[in-house]
Amino acid sequence: MRDEPRRSWHRPRRSVRLVVGVVLLGAAVAYAVFDPAGPGPFPRCVVYATTGLECPGCGGQRAVHALLNLRIVDAVRANALAVVLVPLLAVHVGRWLLGLGPGGPLTVIGRSRVATYAVLLAVLVFTVVRNLRVS
């Protein structure tokens, strides 16, 4: 039987955090340089293409591009929810990458049920409101 302690998802090896950090940095550079609204490798929304309704993520790629280029007004126009959530996600994942706390790419909200329900409710309300057609 081995006596070494078991590693959990919250404390991955430094090499795992380094690889995730390099991949995220590469993605950030790609989103900063290339406009997702133009031609390129960026995926299009399947929900919008099939239903004509905007999902909560519609415009998120354009919002990230605008945020990385410090065009806040354009980012809000593309997806206001992303303008709020992307910086929070960046701080959370950044802390995890630096080994400053628990969390990681898949545990954004944490263990709080209240926070989980609040985020889910905000996403639902945002989705409904953005699809209301004002005549």
C-alpha atoms as a PDB file:
ATOM      1  CA  MET A   1       0.000   0.000   0.000  1.00  0.00           C
ATOM      2  CA  ARG A   2       1.262   3.462  -0.843  1.00  0.00           C
ATOM      3  CA  ASP A   3       1.765   6.049   1.883  1.00  0.00           C
ATOM      4  CA  GLU A   4       1.699   9.142  -0.303  1.00  0.00           C
ATOM      5  CA  PRO A   5      -1.285  11.456   0.107  1.00  0.00           C
ATOM      6  CA  ARG A   6      -4.015  11.454  -2.499  1.00  0.00           C
ATOM      7  CA  ARG A   7      -4.300  14.534  -4.671  1.00  0.00           C
ATOM      8  CA  SER A   8      -7.689  16.102  -5.104  1.00  0.00           C
ATOM      9  CA  TRP A   9      -8.998  18.172  -8.009  1.00  0.00           C
ATOM     10  CA  HIS A  10      -8.508  21.284  -5.880  1.00  0.00           C
ATOM     11  CA  ARG A  11      -4.761  20.740  -5.547  1.00  0.00           C
ATOM     12  CA  PRO A  12      -3.532  19.544  -8.937  1.00  0.00           C
ATOM     13  CA  ARG A  13       0.117  19.338  -9.759  1.00  0.00           C
ATOM     14  CA  ARG A  14       1.889  22.482 -10.794  1.00  0.00           C
ATOM     15  CA  SER A  15       2.388  21.052 -14.284  1.00  0.00           C
ATOM     16  CA  VAL A  16      -1.377  20.691 -14.765  1.00  0.00           C
ATOM     17  CA  ARG A  17      -1.937  24.299 -13.738  1.00  0.00           C
ATOM     18  CA  LEU A  18       0.867  25.384 -16.088  1.00  0.00           C
ATOM     19  CA  VAL A  19      -0.654  23.564 -19.068  1.00  0.00           C
ATOM     20  CA  VAL A  20      -4.121  24.961 -18.344  1.00  0.00           C
ATOM     21  CA  GLY A  21      -2.628  28.444 -17.976  1.00  0.00           C
ATOM     22  CA  VAL A  22      -0.779  28.227 -21.304  1.00  0.00           C
ATOM     23  CA  VAL A  23      -3.918  27.013 -23.095  1.00  0.00           C
ATOM     24  CA  LEU A  24      -6.019  29.803 -21.571  1.00  0.00           C
ATOM     25  CA  LEU A  25      -3.374  32.397 -22.436  1.00  0.00           C
ATOM     26  CA  GLY A  26      -3.350  31.144 -26.039  1.00  0.00           C
ATOM     27  CA  ALA A  27      -7.144  31.366 -26.186  1.00  0.00           C
ATOM     28  CA  ALA A  28      -7.061  34.893 -24.747  1.00  0.00           C
ATOM     29  CA  VAL A  29      -4.515  35.984 -27.370  1.00  0.00           C
ATOM     30  CA  ALA A  30      -6.626  34.431 -30.148  1.00  0.00           C
ATOM     31  CA  TYR A  31      -9.764  36.208 -28.897  1.00  0.00           C
ATOM     32  CA  ALA A  32      -7.898  39.499 -28.505  1.00  0.00           C
ATOM     33  CA  VAL A  33      -6.408  39.398 -32.011  1.00  0.00           C
ATOM     34  CA  PHE A  34      -9.141  37.789 -34.098  1.00  0.00           C
ATOM     35  CA  ASP A  35     -12.705  39.117 -34.200  1.00  0.00           C
ATOM     36  CA  PRO A  36     -15.217  36.283 -33.655  1.00  0.00           C
ATOM     37  CA  ALA A  37     -17.801  38.241 -35.693  1.00  0.00           C
ATOM     38  CA  GLY A  38     -15.685  37.786 -38.818  1.00  0.00           C
ATOM     39  CA  PRO A  39     -14.694  34.653 -40.672  1.00  0.00           C
ATOM     40  CA  GLY A  40     -12.558  32.275 -38.731  1.00  0.00           C
ATOM     41  CA  PRO A  41     -12.502  29.173 -36.568  1.00  0.00           C
ATOM     42  CA  PHE A  42     -14.869  30.500 -33.905  1.00  0.00           C
ATOM     43  CA  PRO A  43     -18.033  28.419 -33.470  1.00  0.00           C
ATOM     44  CA  ARG A  44     -21.471  29.847 -34.220  1.00  0.00           C
ATOM     45  CA  CYS A  45     -24.424  29.421 -31.875  1.00  0.00           C
ATOM     46  CA  VAL A  46     -26.478  26.343 -32.736  1.00  0.00           C
ATOM     47  CA  VAL A  47     -29.452  27.567 -30.658  1.00  0.00           C
ATOM     48  CA  TYR A  48     -29.651  30.858 -32.567  1.00  0.00           C
ATOM     49  CA  ALA A  49     -29.134  29.162 -35.932  1.00  0.00           C
ATOM     50  CA  THR A  50     -31.980  26.705 -35.340  1.00  0.00           C
ATOM     51  CA  THR A  51     -34.494  28.742 -33.314  1.00  0.00           C
ATOM     52  CA  GLY A  52     -33.692  32.401 -33.907  1.00  0.00           C
ATOM     53  CA  LEU A  53     -33.568  32.867 -30.117  1.00  0.00           C
ATOM     54  CA  GLU A  54     -30.453  34.102 -28.353  1.00  0.00           C
ATOM     55  CA  CYS A  55     -29.075  31.764 -25.708  1.00  0.00           C
ATOM     56  CA  PRO A  56     -27.294  33.207 -22.658  1.00  0.00           C
ATOM     57  CA  GLY A  57     -23.963  32.742 -24.423  1.00  0.00           C
ATOM     58  CA  CYS A  58     -24.904  34.448 -27.689  1.00  0.00           C
ATOM     59  CA  GLY A  59     -22.506  37.329 -28.199  1.00  0.00           C
ATOM     60  CA  GLY A  60     -20.197  36.016 -25.492  1.00  0.00           C
ATOM     61  CA  GLN A  61     -17.282  35.542 -27.880  1.00  0.00           C
ATOM     62  CA  ARG A  62     -17.719  39.064 -29.255  1.00  0.00           C
ATOM     63  CA  ALA A  63     -17.961  40.370 -25.673  1.00  0.00           C
ATOM     64  CA  VAL A  64     -14.702  38.628 -24.709  1.00  0.00           C
ATOM     65  CA  HIS A  65     -13.012  40.071 -27.811  1.00  0.00           C
ATOM     66  CA  ALA A  66     -14.252  43.563 -26.935  1.00  0.00           C
ATOM     67  CA  LEU A  67     -13.238  43.216 -23.261  1.00  0.00           C
ATOM     68  CA  LEU A  68      -9.735  42.100 -24.200  1.00  0.00           C
ATOM     69  CA  ASN A  69      -9.489  45.155 -26.449  1.00  0.00           C
ATOM     70  CA  LEU A  70     -10.876  47.420 -23.667  1.00  0.00           C
ATOM     71  CA  ARG A  71     -14.052  48.299 -25.588  1.00  0.00           C
ATOM     72  CA  ILE A  72     -16.471  47.991 -22.690  1.00  0.00           C
ATOM     73  CA  VAL A  73     -19.515  49.525 -24.416  1.00  0.00           C
ATOM     74  CA  ASP A  74     -19.169  47.098 -27.341  1.00  0.00           C
ATOM     75  CA  ALA A  75     -18.811  44.218 -24.880  1.00  0.00           C
ATOM     76  CA  VAL A  76     -22.019  45.201 -23.056  1.00  0.00           C
ATOM     77  CA  ARG A  77     -23.867  45.452 -26.372  1.00  0.00           C
ATOM     78  CA  ALA A  78     -22.663  41.981 -27.371  1.00  0.00           C
ATOM     79  CA  ASN A  79     -23.488  40.237 -24.070  1.00  0.00           C
ATOM     80  CA  ALA A  80     -23.955  42.118 -20.788  1.00  0.00           C
ATOM     81  CA  LEU A  81     -23.941  38.912 -18.749  1.00  0.00           C
ATOM     82  CA  ALA A  82     -20.509  37.985 -20.110  1.00  0.00           C
ATOM     83  CA  VAL A  83     -19.193  41.405 -19.094  1.00  0.00           C
ATOM     84  CA  VAL A  84     -20.078  40.553 -15.492  1.00  0.00           C
ATOM     85  CA  LEU A  85     -19.182  36.858 -15.450  1.00  0.00           C
ATOM     86  CA  VAL A  86     -15.956  36.765 -17.501  1.00  0.00           C
ATOM     87  CA  PRO A  87     -13.921  38.951 -15.113  1.00  0.00           C
ATOM     88  CA  LEU A  88     -15.216  36.954 -12.130  1.00  0.00           C
ATOM     89  CA  LEU A  89     -14.292  33.720 -13.880  1.00  0.00           C
ATOM     90  CA  ALA A  90     -10.861  35.127 -14.781  1.00  0.00           C
ATOM     91  CA  VAL A  91     -10.130  36.035 -11.153  1.00  0.00           C
ATOM     92  CA  HIS A  92     -11.329  32.640  -9.901  1.00  0.00           C
ATOM     93  CA  VAL A  93      -9.338  30.635 -12.439  1.00  0.00           C
ATOM     94  CA  GLY A  94      -6.331  32.931 -12.010  1.00  0.00           C
ATOM     95  CA  ARG A  95      -6.281  32.256  -8.261  1.00  0.00           C
ATOM     96  CA  TRP A  96      -6.448  28.529  -8.982  1.00  0.00           C
ATOM     97  CA  LEU A  97      -3.641  28.741 -11.563  1.00  0.00           C
ATOM     98  CA  LEU A  98      -1.416  30.561  -9.074  1.00  0.00           C
ATOM     99  CA  GLY A  99      -2.228  28.035  -6.350  1.00  0.00           C
ATOM    100  CA  LEU A 100      -3.804  30.706  -4.151  1.00  0.00           C
ATOM    101  CA  GLY A 101      -7.006  28.884  -3.409  1.00  0.00           C
ATOM    102  CA  PRO A 102      -9.351  26.049  -4.224  1.00  0.00           C
ATOM    103  CA  GLY A 103     -11.382  26.003  -7.354  1.00  0.00           C
ATOM    104  CA  GLY A 104     -10.550  25.636 -10.956  1.00  0.00           C
ATOM    105  CA  PRO A 105     -12.056  25.824 -14.381  1.00  0.00           C
ATOM    106  CA  LEU A 106     -14.983  23.573 -13.479  1.00  0.00           C
ATOM    107  CA  THR A 107     -15.792  24.884  -9.988  1.00  0.00           C
ATOM    108  CA  VAL A 108     -16.588  28.514 -10.675  1.00  0.00           C
ATOM    109  CA  ILE A 109     -19.384  29.068  -8.177  1.00  0.00           C
ATOM    110  CA  GLY A 110     -17.988  26.987  -5.369  1.00  0.00           C
ATOM    111  CA  ARG A 111     -19.970  25.074  -2.805  1.00  0.00           C
ATOM    112  CA  SER A 112     -22.647  27.636  -2.018  1.00  0.00           C
ATOM    113  CA  ARG A 113     -26.131  26.583  -3.086  1.00  0.00           C
ATOM    114  CA  VAL A 114     -27.355  30.156  -2.747  1.00  0.00           C
ATOM    115  CA  ALA A 115     -24.654  31.385  -5.154  1.00  0.00           C
ATOM    116  CA  THR A 116     -25.437  28.555  -7.567  1.00  0.00           C
ATOM    117  CA  TYR A 117     -29.159  29.341  -7.599  1.00  0.00           C
ATOM    118  CA  ALA A 118     -28.509  33.094  -7.848  1.00  0.00           C
ATOM    119  CA  VAL A 119     -26.300  32.629 -10.924  1.00  0.00           C
ATOM    120  CA  LEU A 120     -28.778  30.224 -12.530  1.00  0.00           C
ATOM    121  CA  LEU A 121     -31.652  32.642 -11.871  1.00  0.00           C
ATOM    122  CA  ALA A 122     -29.642  35.561 -13.300  1.00  0.00           C
ATOM    123  CA  VAL A 123     -28.853  33.541 -16.447  1.00  0.00           C
ATOM    124  CA  LEU A 124     -32.520  32.562 -16.849  1.00  0.00           C
ATOM    125  CA  VAL A 125     -33.778  36.137 -16.402  1.00  0.00           C
ATOM    126  CA  PHE A 126     -31.097  37.462 -18.757  1.00  0.00           C
ATOM    127  CA  THR A 127     -32.080  34.907 -21.410  1.00  0.00           C
ATOM    128  CA  VAL A 128     -35.786  35.733 -21.197  1.00  0.00           C
ATOM    129  CA  VAL A 129     -35.264  39.506 -21.189  1.00  0.00           C
ATOM    130  CA  ARG A 130     -32.867  39.504 -24.141  1.00  0.00           C
ATOM    131  CA  ASN A 131     -35.374  37.543 -26.230  1.00  0.00           C
ATOM    132  CA  LEU A 132     -38.361  39.786 -25.534  1.00  0.00           C
ATOM    133  CA  ARG A 133     -39.388  41.536 -28.716  1.00  0.00           C
ATOM    134  CA  VAL A 134     -40.332  45.141 -28.060  1.00  0.00           C
ATOM    135  CA  SER A 135     -42.575  46.505 -30.796  1.00  0.00           C
END
